[in-house]
N, C-alpha and C. Protein backbone atom coordinates (compact mmCIF):
# COMPACT_ATOMS: atom_id res chain seq x y z
N MET A 1 77.75 42.02 232.56
CA MET A 1 78.49 41.05 233.37
C MET A 1 79.99 41.28 233.19
N ILE A 2 80.72 40.98 234.24
CA ILE A 2 82.18 41.17 234.24
C ILE A 2 82.85 39.80 234.28
N GLU A 3 83.86 39.65 233.44
CA GLU A 3 84.69 38.45 233.49
C GLU A 3 85.82 38.76 234.48
N ALA A 4 85.64 38.30 235.73
CA ALA A 4 86.69 38.46 236.74
C ALA A 4 87.71 37.36 236.47
N GLU A 5 88.94 37.77 236.17
CA GLU A 5 89.94 36.80 235.72
C GLU A 5 91.32 37.19 236.21
N LEU A 6 92.08 36.17 236.56
CA LEU A 6 93.51 36.34 236.85
C LEU A 6 94.27 35.36 235.97
N LYS A 7 95.44 35.80 235.53
CA LYS A 7 96.30 34.97 234.68
C LYS A 7 97.68 34.91 235.33
N ALA A 8 98.25 33.72 235.29
CA ALA A 8 99.57 33.52 235.90
C ALA A 8 100.45 32.71 234.96
N ARG A 9 101.74 32.96 235.06
CA ARG A 9 102.72 32.09 234.40
C ARG A 9 102.89 30.88 235.30
N VAL A 10 102.86 29.69 234.69
CA VAL A 10 102.95 28.45 235.45
C VAL A 10 104.35 27.87 235.30
N HIS A 11 105.01 27.65 236.43
CA HIS A 11 106.38 27.14 236.39
C HIS A 11 106.42 25.61 236.45
N SER A 12 105.34 25.00 236.93
CA SER A 12 105.24 23.53 236.98
C SER A 12 103.92 23.09 236.36
N PRO A 13 103.81 23.20 235.03
CA PRO A 13 102.52 22.90 234.38
C PRO A 13 102.02 21.49 234.66
N GLU A 14 102.92 20.50 234.70
CA GLU A 14 102.49 19.12 234.93
C GLU A 14 101.86 18.98 236.31
N ALA A 15 102.43 19.62 237.32
CA ALA A 15 101.89 19.54 238.68
C ALA A 15 100.51 20.19 238.76
N VAL A 16 100.36 21.35 238.13
CA VAL A 16 99.06 22.04 238.13
C VAL A 16 98.03 21.20 237.37
N MET A 17 98.44 20.64 236.24
CA MET A 17 97.53 19.81 235.45
C MET A 17 97.08 18.59 236.27
N ARG A 18 97.99 17.96 236.99
CA ARG A 18 97.62 16.80 237.82
C ARG A 18 96.58 17.19 238.86
N GLN A 19 96.80 18.33 239.51
CA GLN A 19 95.86 18.78 240.55
C GLN A 19 94.48 19.07 239.95
N LEU A 20 94.45 19.72 238.81
CA LEU A 20 93.17 20.02 238.17
C LEU A 20 92.50 18.75 237.67
N ASP A 21 93.29 17.82 237.12
CA ASP A 21 92.73 16.54 236.65
C ASP A 21 92.09 15.76 237.79
N GLU A 22 92.62 15.92 239.01
CA GLU A 22 92.04 15.24 240.18
C GLU A 22 90.68 15.85 240.55
N ARG A 23 90.46 17.10 240.21
CA ARG A 23 89.22 17.79 240.59
C ARG A 23 88.09 17.59 239.59
N THR A 24 88.44 17.56 238.29
CA THR A 24 87.40 17.49 237.26
C THR A 24 88.03 17.07 235.93
N GLU A 25 87.18 16.71 234.99
CA GLU A 25 87.66 16.27 233.68
C GLU A 25 88.04 17.47 232.81
N ALA A 26 89.11 17.32 232.07
CA ALA A 26 89.59 18.39 231.20
C ALA A 26 88.95 18.29 229.82
N ARG A 27 88.78 19.46 229.19
CA ARG A 27 88.40 19.55 227.78
C ARG A 27 89.61 20.12 227.06
N VAL A 28 90.18 19.34 226.15
CA VAL A 28 91.34 19.80 225.39
C VAL A 28 90.81 20.42 224.10
N GLU A 29 91.12 21.71 223.91
CA GLU A 29 90.58 22.44 222.76
C GLU A 29 91.65 23.36 222.19
N VAL A 30 91.48 23.67 220.91
CA VAL A 30 92.35 24.63 220.23
C VAL A 30 91.48 25.82 219.83
N TYR A 31 91.91 27.01 220.24
CA TYR A 31 91.19 28.24 219.90
C TYR A 31 91.91 28.92 218.75
N GLN A 32 91.14 29.34 217.76
CA GLN A 32 91.67 30.21 216.71
C GLN A 32 91.03 31.56 216.92
N ASP A 33 91.82 32.51 217.39
CA ASP A 33 91.32 33.85 217.73
C ASP A 33 91.72 34.86 216.67
N THR A 34 90.75 35.66 216.24
CA THR A 34 91.02 36.79 215.36
C THR A 34 90.46 38.03 216.04
N TYR A 35 91.32 38.99 216.31
CA TYR A 35 90.91 40.25 216.93
C TYR A 35 90.74 41.29 215.84
N TYR A 36 89.69 42.09 215.99
CA TYR A 36 89.38 43.14 215.03
C TYR A 36 89.48 44.50 215.70
N ASP A 37 89.72 45.52 214.87
CA ASP A 37 89.74 46.90 215.34
C ASP A 37 89.26 47.77 214.20
N ARG A 38 89.03 49.02 214.50
CA ARG A 38 88.75 50.00 213.45
C ARG A 38 90.09 50.33 212.79
N PRO A 39 90.09 50.81 211.56
CA PRO A 39 91.36 51.12 210.89
C PRO A 39 92.25 52.10 211.67
N ASP A 40 91.64 52.97 212.48
CA ASP A 40 92.43 53.93 213.26
C ASP A 40 92.89 53.36 214.61
N GLY A 41 92.57 52.09 214.89
CA GLY A 41 93.00 51.46 216.14
C GLY A 41 92.25 51.96 217.37
N SER A 42 91.09 52.56 217.16
CA SER A 42 90.39 53.19 218.29
C SER A 42 89.85 52.21 219.32
N LEU A 43 89.53 50.98 218.94
CA LEU A 43 89.10 50.02 219.97
C LEU A 43 90.24 49.76 220.95
N GLU A 44 91.42 49.49 220.43
CA GLU A 44 92.57 49.24 221.31
C GLU A 44 92.87 50.48 222.16
N LYS A 45 92.80 51.65 221.56
CA LYS A 45 93.06 52.89 222.31
C LYS A 45 92.06 53.08 223.44
N GLN A 46 90.84 52.56 223.27
CA GLN A 46 89.81 52.67 224.31
C GLN A 46 89.80 51.44 225.23
N ASP A 47 90.82 50.58 225.11
CA ASP A 47 90.94 49.38 225.94
C ASP A 47 89.77 48.42 225.72
N GLN A 48 89.30 48.33 224.48
CA GLN A 48 88.21 47.43 224.13
C GLN A 48 88.72 46.36 223.18
N GLU A 49 88.00 45.23 223.15
CA GLU A 49 88.39 44.12 222.29
C GLU A 49 87.18 43.60 221.53
N LEU A 50 87.38 43.24 220.29
CA LEU A 50 86.36 42.62 219.45
C LEU A 50 87.02 41.39 218.82
N ARG A 51 86.43 40.20 219.10
CA ARG A 51 87.11 38.97 218.72
C ARG A 51 86.13 37.97 218.14
N VAL A 52 86.60 37.22 217.15
CA VAL A 52 85.92 36.02 216.67
C VAL A 52 86.81 34.85 217.07
N ARG A 53 86.22 33.90 217.83
CA ARG A 53 86.98 32.73 218.29
C ARG A 53 86.29 31.47 217.80
N THR A 54 87.06 30.63 217.10
CA THR A 54 86.57 29.31 216.72
C THR A 54 87.30 28.29 217.58
N VAL A 55 86.51 27.44 218.24
CA VAL A 55 87.04 26.43 219.16
C VAL A 55 86.87 25.06 218.53
N ARG A 56 87.99 24.34 218.46
CA ARG A 56 87.96 22.97 217.95
C ARG A 56 88.37 22.03 219.07
N GLY A 57 87.55 21.03 219.31
CA GLY A 57 87.83 20.06 220.36
C GLY A 57 87.16 18.76 220.03
N PRO A 58 86.83 17.97 221.06
CA PRO A 58 86.21 16.67 220.82
C PRO A 58 84.84 16.77 220.15
N SER A 59 84.11 17.84 220.45
CA SER A 59 82.82 18.02 219.78
C SER A 59 83.03 18.88 218.53
N SER A 60 81.97 19.11 217.77
CA SER A 60 82.11 19.87 216.53
C SER A 60 82.58 21.29 216.83
N PRO A 61 83.21 21.94 215.86
CA PRO A 61 83.71 23.30 216.09
C PRO A 61 82.57 24.24 216.46
N ARG A 62 82.89 25.22 217.29
CA ARG A 62 81.92 26.25 217.64
C ARG A 62 82.63 27.60 217.58
N THR A 63 81.86 28.63 217.25
CA THR A 63 82.42 29.97 217.08
C THR A 63 81.65 30.94 217.95
N ALA A 64 82.38 31.90 218.53
CA ALA A 64 81.76 32.93 219.36
C ALA A 64 82.28 34.29 218.92
N LEU A 65 81.39 35.27 218.98
CA LEU A 65 81.73 36.67 218.77
C LEU A 65 81.73 37.32 220.15
N THR A 66 82.83 38.00 220.47
CA THR A 66 83.00 38.58 221.81
C THR A 66 83.39 40.04 221.72
N PHE A 67 82.76 40.84 222.57
CA PHE A 67 83.16 42.24 222.77
C PHE A 67 83.51 42.40 224.24
N LYS A 68 84.69 42.95 224.50
CA LYS A 68 85.10 43.25 225.88
C LYS A 68 85.26 44.75 226.01
N GLY A 69 84.62 45.30 227.04
CA GLY A 69 84.72 46.73 227.31
C GLY A 69 86.02 47.05 228.03
N ALA A 70 86.16 48.29 228.42
CA ALA A 70 87.37 48.76 229.10
C ALA A 70 87.51 48.11 230.48
N THR A 71 88.74 47.97 230.92
CA THR A 71 89.08 47.36 232.19
C THR A 71 88.36 48.04 233.35
N VAL A 72 87.80 47.21 234.26
CA VAL A 72 87.14 47.74 235.46
C VAL A 72 87.97 47.50 236.72
N ASP A 73 88.99 46.66 236.62
CA ASP A 73 89.88 46.40 237.75
C ASP A 73 91.31 46.38 237.21
N GLU A 74 92.05 47.43 237.51
CA GLU A 74 93.39 47.59 236.94
C GLU A 74 94.34 46.47 237.35
N ALA A 75 94.28 46.03 238.59
CA ALA A 75 95.23 45.02 239.07
C ALA A 75 95.09 43.70 238.30
N SER A 76 93.87 43.34 237.94
CA SER A 76 93.64 42.05 237.27
C SER A 76 93.42 42.19 235.78
N GLY A 77 92.96 43.36 235.34
CA GLY A 77 92.61 43.53 233.94
C GLY A 77 91.21 43.02 233.62
N SER A 78 90.40 42.72 234.64
CA SER A 78 89.05 42.22 234.42
C SER A 78 88.21 43.24 233.67
N LYS A 79 87.36 42.72 232.76
CA LYS A 79 86.59 43.58 231.85
C LYS A 79 85.15 43.10 231.73
N PRO A 80 84.24 44.02 231.38
CA PRO A 80 82.89 43.58 231.00
C PRO A 80 83.00 42.76 229.70
N GLU A 81 82.23 41.69 229.63
CA GLU A 81 82.31 40.83 228.46
C GLU A 81 80.91 40.49 227.96
N HIS A 82 80.74 40.60 226.66
CA HIS A 82 79.49 40.22 226.00
C HIS A 82 79.86 39.25 224.89
N GLU A 83 79.26 38.06 224.95
CA GLU A 83 79.63 37.02 224.00
C GLU A 83 78.39 36.31 223.51
N THR A 84 78.40 35.94 222.24
CA THR A 84 77.30 35.17 221.67
C THR A 84 77.85 34.14 220.70
N ARG A 85 77.17 33.05 220.63
CA ARG A 85 77.55 31.99 219.70
C ARG A 85 77.19 32.40 218.28
N VAL A 86 78.00 31.99 217.33
CA VAL A 86 77.81 32.33 215.92
C VAL A 86 77.71 31.02 215.14
N GLU A 87 76.71 30.91 214.27
CA GLU A 87 76.53 29.69 213.47
C GLU A 87 77.60 29.54 212.40
N ASP A 88 77.97 30.62 211.75
CA ASP A 88 78.85 30.57 210.58
C ASP A 88 80.04 31.51 210.81
N SER A 89 81.19 30.94 211.07
CA SER A 89 82.37 31.77 211.39
C SER A 89 82.78 32.65 210.21
N GLU A 90 82.71 32.11 209.00
CA GLU A 90 83.09 32.91 207.83
C GLU A 90 82.16 34.11 207.67
N ALA A 91 80.88 33.91 207.93
CA ALA A 91 79.93 35.02 207.85
C ALA A 91 80.25 36.08 208.92
N ALA A 92 80.62 35.64 210.12
CA ALA A 92 80.96 36.59 211.18
C ALA A 92 82.14 37.46 210.76
N HIS A 93 83.17 36.83 210.20
CA HIS A 93 84.33 37.60 209.72
C HIS A 93 83.91 38.58 208.62
N ALA A 94 83.07 38.11 207.69
CA ALA A 94 82.62 38.95 206.57
C ALA A 94 81.78 40.13 207.07
N ILE A 95 80.94 39.89 208.05
CA ILE A 95 80.10 40.96 208.60
C ILE A 95 80.97 42.04 209.24
N LEU A 96 81.92 41.62 210.08
CA LEU A 96 82.79 42.60 210.75
C LEU A 96 83.58 43.41 209.72
N GLN A 97 84.12 42.73 208.71
CA GLN A 97 84.88 43.45 207.69
C GLN A 97 83.97 44.35 206.86
N GLY A 98 82.74 43.89 206.60
CA GLY A 98 81.78 44.71 205.88
C GLY A 98 81.40 45.96 206.64
N LEU A 99 81.46 45.88 207.97
CA LEU A 99 81.17 47.04 208.82
C LEU A 99 82.38 47.96 208.98
N GLY A 100 83.50 47.59 208.35
CA GLY A 100 84.67 48.45 208.38
C GLY A 100 85.74 48.05 209.39
N TYR A 101 85.52 46.96 210.13
CA TYR A 101 86.56 46.49 211.06
C TYR A 101 87.62 45.73 210.27
N VAL A 102 88.84 45.77 210.77
CA VAL A 102 89.95 45.08 210.11
C VAL A 102 90.60 44.12 211.10
N PRO A 103 91.04 42.96 210.62
CA PRO A 103 91.75 42.05 211.52
C PRO A 103 93.03 42.73 211.99
N SER A 104 93.23 42.75 213.31
CA SER A 104 94.45 43.35 213.85
C SER A 104 95.49 42.29 214.18
N ILE A 105 95.03 41.12 214.64
CA ILE A 105 95.95 40.02 214.90
C ILE A 105 95.15 38.73 215.01
N ALA A 106 95.75 37.63 214.60
CA ALA A 106 95.13 36.31 214.72
C ALA A 106 96.20 35.33 215.18
N PHE A 107 95.81 34.43 216.06
CA PHE A 107 96.75 33.43 216.57
C PHE A 107 95.98 32.27 217.18
N GLN A 108 96.73 31.23 217.53
CA GLN A 108 96.15 30.01 218.07
C GLN A 108 96.52 29.88 219.55
N LYS A 109 95.57 29.38 220.32
CA LYS A 109 95.80 29.03 221.74
C LYS A 109 95.47 27.56 221.91
N ARG A 110 96.34 26.83 222.56
CA ARG A 110 96.08 25.42 222.87
C ARG A 110 95.69 25.37 224.35
N CYS A 111 94.46 24.93 224.59
CA CYS A 111 93.87 25.06 225.92
C CYS A 111 93.45 23.72 226.51
N ARG A 112 93.61 23.63 227.80
CA ARG A 112 93.10 22.51 228.59
C ARG A 112 92.17 23.15 229.62
N ASN A 113 90.85 23.01 229.37
CA ASN A 113 89.83 23.71 230.15
C ASN A 113 89.24 22.81 231.24
N TYR A 114 89.03 23.41 232.39
CA TYR A 114 88.44 22.72 233.54
C TYR A 114 87.28 23.55 234.08
N ASP A 115 86.06 23.04 233.97
CA ASP A 115 84.91 23.68 234.61
C ASP A 115 84.89 23.17 236.04
N LEU A 116 84.90 24.09 236.99
CA LEU A 116 84.91 23.66 238.38
C LEU A 116 84.11 24.61 239.25
N GLU A 117 83.70 24.07 240.39
CA GLU A 117 83.06 24.90 241.39
C GLU A 117 84.06 25.08 242.53
N ALA A 118 84.25 26.33 242.93
CA ALA A 118 85.18 26.62 244.01
C ALA A 118 84.67 27.84 244.76
N ARG A 119 84.69 27.74 246.08
CA ARG A 119 84.30 28.86 246.93
C ARG A 119 82.88 29.35 246.58
N GLY A 120 82.01 28.39 246.21
CA GLY A 120 80.63 28.72 245.91
C GLY A 120 80.40 29.36 244.55
N ARG A 121 81.41 29.33 243.68
CA ARG A 121 81.29 29.95 242.36
C ARG A 121 81.60 28.92 241.27
N GLN A 122 80.95 29.11 240.11
CA GLN A 122 81.33 28.36 238.91
C GLN A 122 82.53 29.08 238.31
N MET A 123 83.60 28.35 238.10
CA MET A 123 84.82 28.92 237.55
C MET A 123 85.29 28.10 236.36
N LEU A 124 86.10 28.74 235.55
CA LEU A 124 86.77 28.06 234.45
C LEU A 124 88.26 28.27 234.67
N ALA A 125 88.98 27.15 234.78
CA ALA A 125 90.44 27.20 234.87
C ALA A 125 90.97 26.66 233.54
N THR A 126 91.88 27.41 232.92
CA THR A 126 92.40 27.03 231.62
C THR A 126 93.91 27.09 231.61
N LEU A 127 94.53 25.96 231.33
CA LEU A 127 95.97 25.93 231.08
C LEU A 127 96.17 26.27 229.61
N VAL A 128 97.00 27.26 229.33
CA VAL A 128 97.12 27.81 227.98
C VAL A 128 98.57 27.76 227.50
N ARG A 129 98.71 27.30 226.26
CA ARG A 129 99.98 27.41 225.54
C ARG A 129 99.68 28.12 224.23
N VAL A 130 100.42 29.16 223.97
CA VAL A 130 100.34 29.86 222.69
C VAL A 130 101.64 29.51 221.97
N PRO A 131 101.58 28.80 220.84
CA PRO A 131 102.80 28.32 220.19
C PRO A 131 103.86 29.41 219.97
N GLU A 132 103.44 30.64 219.78
CA GLU A 132 104.40 31.72 219.50
C GLU A 132 104.99 32.35 220.76
N ILE A 133 104.53 31.94 221.93
CA ILE A 133 105.00 32.53 223.19
C ILE A 133 105.61 31.44 224.05
N ASP A 134 106.72 31.74 224.70
CA ASP A 134 107.33 30.78 225.62
C ASP A 134 106.51 30.66 226.89
N GLY A 135 106.38 29.45 227.40
CA GLY A 135 105.77 29.23 228.69
C GLY A 135 104.33 28.76 228.63
N THR A 136 103.84 28.40 229.81
CA THR A 136 102.46 27.96 230.00
C THR A 136 101.80 28.94 230.96
N PHE A 137 100.54 29.22 230.71
CA PHE A 137 99.79 30.15 231.53
C PHE A 137 98.59 29.43 232.11
N LEU A 138 98.09 29.94 233.24
CA LEU A 138 96.84 29.47 233.81
C LEU A 138 95.94 30.68 233.98
N GLU A 139 94.75 30.58 233.38
CA GLU A 139 93.72 31.61 233.55
C GLU A 139 92.63 30.99 234.42
N VAL A 140 92.18 31.73 235.42
CA VAL A 140 91.03 31.32 236.21
C VAL A 140 90.05 32.48 236.18
N GLU A 141 88.81 32.16 235.80
CA GLU A 141 87.82 33.23 235.62
C GLU A 141 86.46 32.78 236.12
N THR A 142 85.63 33.79 236.40
CA THR A 142 84.23 33.59 236.73
C THR A 142 83.48 34.83 236.28
N ILE A 143 82.22 34.67 235.96
CA ILE A 143 81.40 35.80 235.50
C ILE A 143 80.60 36.32 236.70
N VAL A 144 80.69 37.64 236.94
CA VAL A 144 80.05 38.25 238.11
C VAL A 144 79.45 39.60 237.76
N ASP A 145 78.64 40.12 238.66
CA ASP A 145 78.18 41.50 238.56
C ASP A 145 79.31 42.42 238.97
N GLU A 146 79.26 43.67 238.53
CA GLU A 146 80.36 44.60 238.79
C GLU A 146 80.63 44.79 240.28
N ASP A 147 79.59 44.71 241.11
CA ASP A 147 79.81 44.92 242.55
C ASP A 147 80.42 43.70 243.25
N ASP A 148 80.63 42.61 242.51
CA ASP A 148 81.18 41.38 243.10
C ASP A 148 82.60 41.09 242.60
N VAL A 149 83.19 41.99 241.83
CA VAL A 149 84.50 41.73 241.22
C VAL A 149 85.58 41.50 242.28
N THR A 150 85.66 42.36 243.28
CA THR A 150 86.72 42.24 244.29
C THR A 150 86.64 40.91 245.03
N ALA A 151 85.45 40.53 245.47
CA ALA A 151 85.28 39.26 246.18
C ALA A 151 85.60 38.08 245.26
N ALA A 152 85.16 38.17 244.00
CA ALA A 152 85.44 37.08 243.05
C ALA A 152 86.94 36.93 242.82
N LEU A 153 87.64 38.05 242.69
CA LEU A 153 89.10 37.97 242.50
C LEU A 153 89.78 37.38 243.72
N ASP A 154 89.29 37.69 244.92
CA ASP A 154 89.84 37.07 246.14
C ASP A 154 89.64 35.56 246.10
N ASP A 155 88.45 35.12 245.65
CA ASP A 155 88.19 33.68 245.54
C ASP A 155 89.10 33.03 244.49
N ILE A 156 89.34 33.72 243.39
CA ILE A 156 90.23 33.20 242.36
C ILE A 156 91.66 33.10 242.90
N ARG A 157 92.10 34.12 243.64
CA ARG A 157 93.44 34.07 244.25
C ARG A 157 93.57 32.85 245.17
N ALA A 158 92.51 32.52 245.91
CA ALA A 158 92.54 31.36 246.80
C ALA A 158 92.67 30.07 245.99
N VAL A 159 91.95 29.97 244.87
CA VAL A 159 92.06 28.79 244.00
C VAL A 159 93.49 28.68 243.47
N LEU A 160 94.03 29.80 243.02
CA LEU A 160 95.41 29.78 242.52
C LEU A 160 96.38 29.35 243.61
N ALA A 161 96.20 29.87 244.82
CA ALA A 161 97.08 29.49 245.93
C ALA A 161 96.99 28.00 246.20
N ASP A 162 95.78 27.44 246.14
CA ASP A 162 95.60 25.98 246.33
C ASP A 162 96.38 25.19 245.27
N LEU A 163 96.60 25.80 244.11
CA LEU A 163 97.33 25.15 243.02
C LEU A 163 98.83 25.46 243.07
N GLY A 164 99.26 26.17 244.11
CA GLY A 164 100.67 26.50 244.27
C GLY A 164 101.12 27.71 243.47
N ILE A 165 100.17 28.55 243.09
CA ILE A 165 100.49 29.74 242.30
C ILE A 165 100.27 30.97 243.17
N GLY A 166 101.34 31.74 243.35
CA GLY A 166 101.29 32.90 244.23
C GLY A 166 101.21 34.21 243.48
N PRO A 167 101.09 35.31 244.22
CA PRO A 167 100.97 36.64 243.61
C PRO A 167 102.14 36.98 242.69
N GLN A 168 103.31 36.44 242.99
CA GLN A 168 104.49 36.73 242.16
C GLN A 168 104.38 36.11 240.76
N ASP A 169 103.48 35.14 240.59
CA ASP A 169 103.30 34.47 239.30
C ASP A 169 102.27 35.16 238.40
N LEU A 170 101.48 36.07 238.97
CA LEU A 170 100.41 36.73 238.21
C LEU A 170 101.00 37.64 237.13
N THR A 171 100.28 37.74 236.02
CA THR A 171 100.72 38.60 234.92
C THR A 171 99.50 39.26 234.28
N ARG A 172 99.69 40.47 233.80
CA ARG A 172 98.66 41.16 233.01
C ARG A 172 99.05 41.15 231.53
N GLU A 173 100.14 40.47 231.21
CA GLU A 173 100.61 40.41 229.83
C GLU A 173 99.49 39.86 228.94
N LEU A 174 99.23 40.55 227.85
CA LEU A 174 98.19 40.12 226.90
C LEU A 174 98.81 39.23 225.84
N TYR A 175 98.11 38.16 225.48
CA TYR A 175 98.59 37.29 224.41
C TYR A 175 98.74 38.08 223.12
N THR A 176 97.79 38.97 222.86
CA THR A 176 97.86 39.76 221.61
C THR A 176 99.15 40.55 221.56
N ASP A 177 99.52 41.20 222.67
CA ASP A 177 100.75 41.99 222.70
C ASP A 177 101.99 41.10 222.57
N ALA A 178 101.98 39.96 223.26
CA ALA A 178 103.14 39.07 223.21
C ALA A 178 103.34 38.48 221.82
N VAL A 179 102.24 38.08 221.19
CA VAL A 179 102.34 37.53 219.83
C VAL A 179 102.82 38.61 218.87
N ALA A 180 102.24 39.82 218.98
CA ALA A 180 102.64 40.92 218.10
C ALA A 180 104.12 41.24 218.27
N ALA A 181 104.60 41.25 219.50
CA ALA A 181 106.03 41.53 219.77
C ALA A 181 106.90 40.44 219.16
N ARG A 182 106.45 39.20 219.28
CA ARG A 182 107.23 38.07 218.73
C ARG A 182 107.32 38.15 217.21
N ARG A 183 106.27 38.63 216.58
CA ARG A 183 106.23 38.70 215.12
C ARG A 183 107.04 39.88 214.56
N ARG A 184 107.34 40.86 215.41
CA ARG A 184 108.09 42.02 214.94
C ARG A 184 109.54 41.70 214.73
């Protein structure tokens, strides 16, 4: 499955939040993301990602292990994604390190998540603030088969346009790269 996703810098976060709040209820959550790589950096060199994410919100914490393959759509950065829930986050970290992976970067994302249906698709819209990065971002994503990526991205662009976000606001900037640059 492919995570068809577009990310934009939001210039009027309050206005976008109001519009999304009118459509559906928000889940306010904090993500603690730790990205892993091989010591030689070969996952990053192959445009792959390996992440342990612990989400804290109104319900009890939950952790997911995620692997993202190489980009299948250059314009959006959409990637194949495989994710599974993990019972014990500390064990997940220990397993990855025991297999020889090393933490490459860890940071926090403050998210306001909206599950919504738009254009006949289940989508997730997330307003994101990363404390180490200036600005607010909006990610809109849906999970599709590889042959549906282009149509799904068109539907996501329409949702963004409805929220007042145009093509000029889109970004492929990675949080990992922005955080790493800020820390240097």
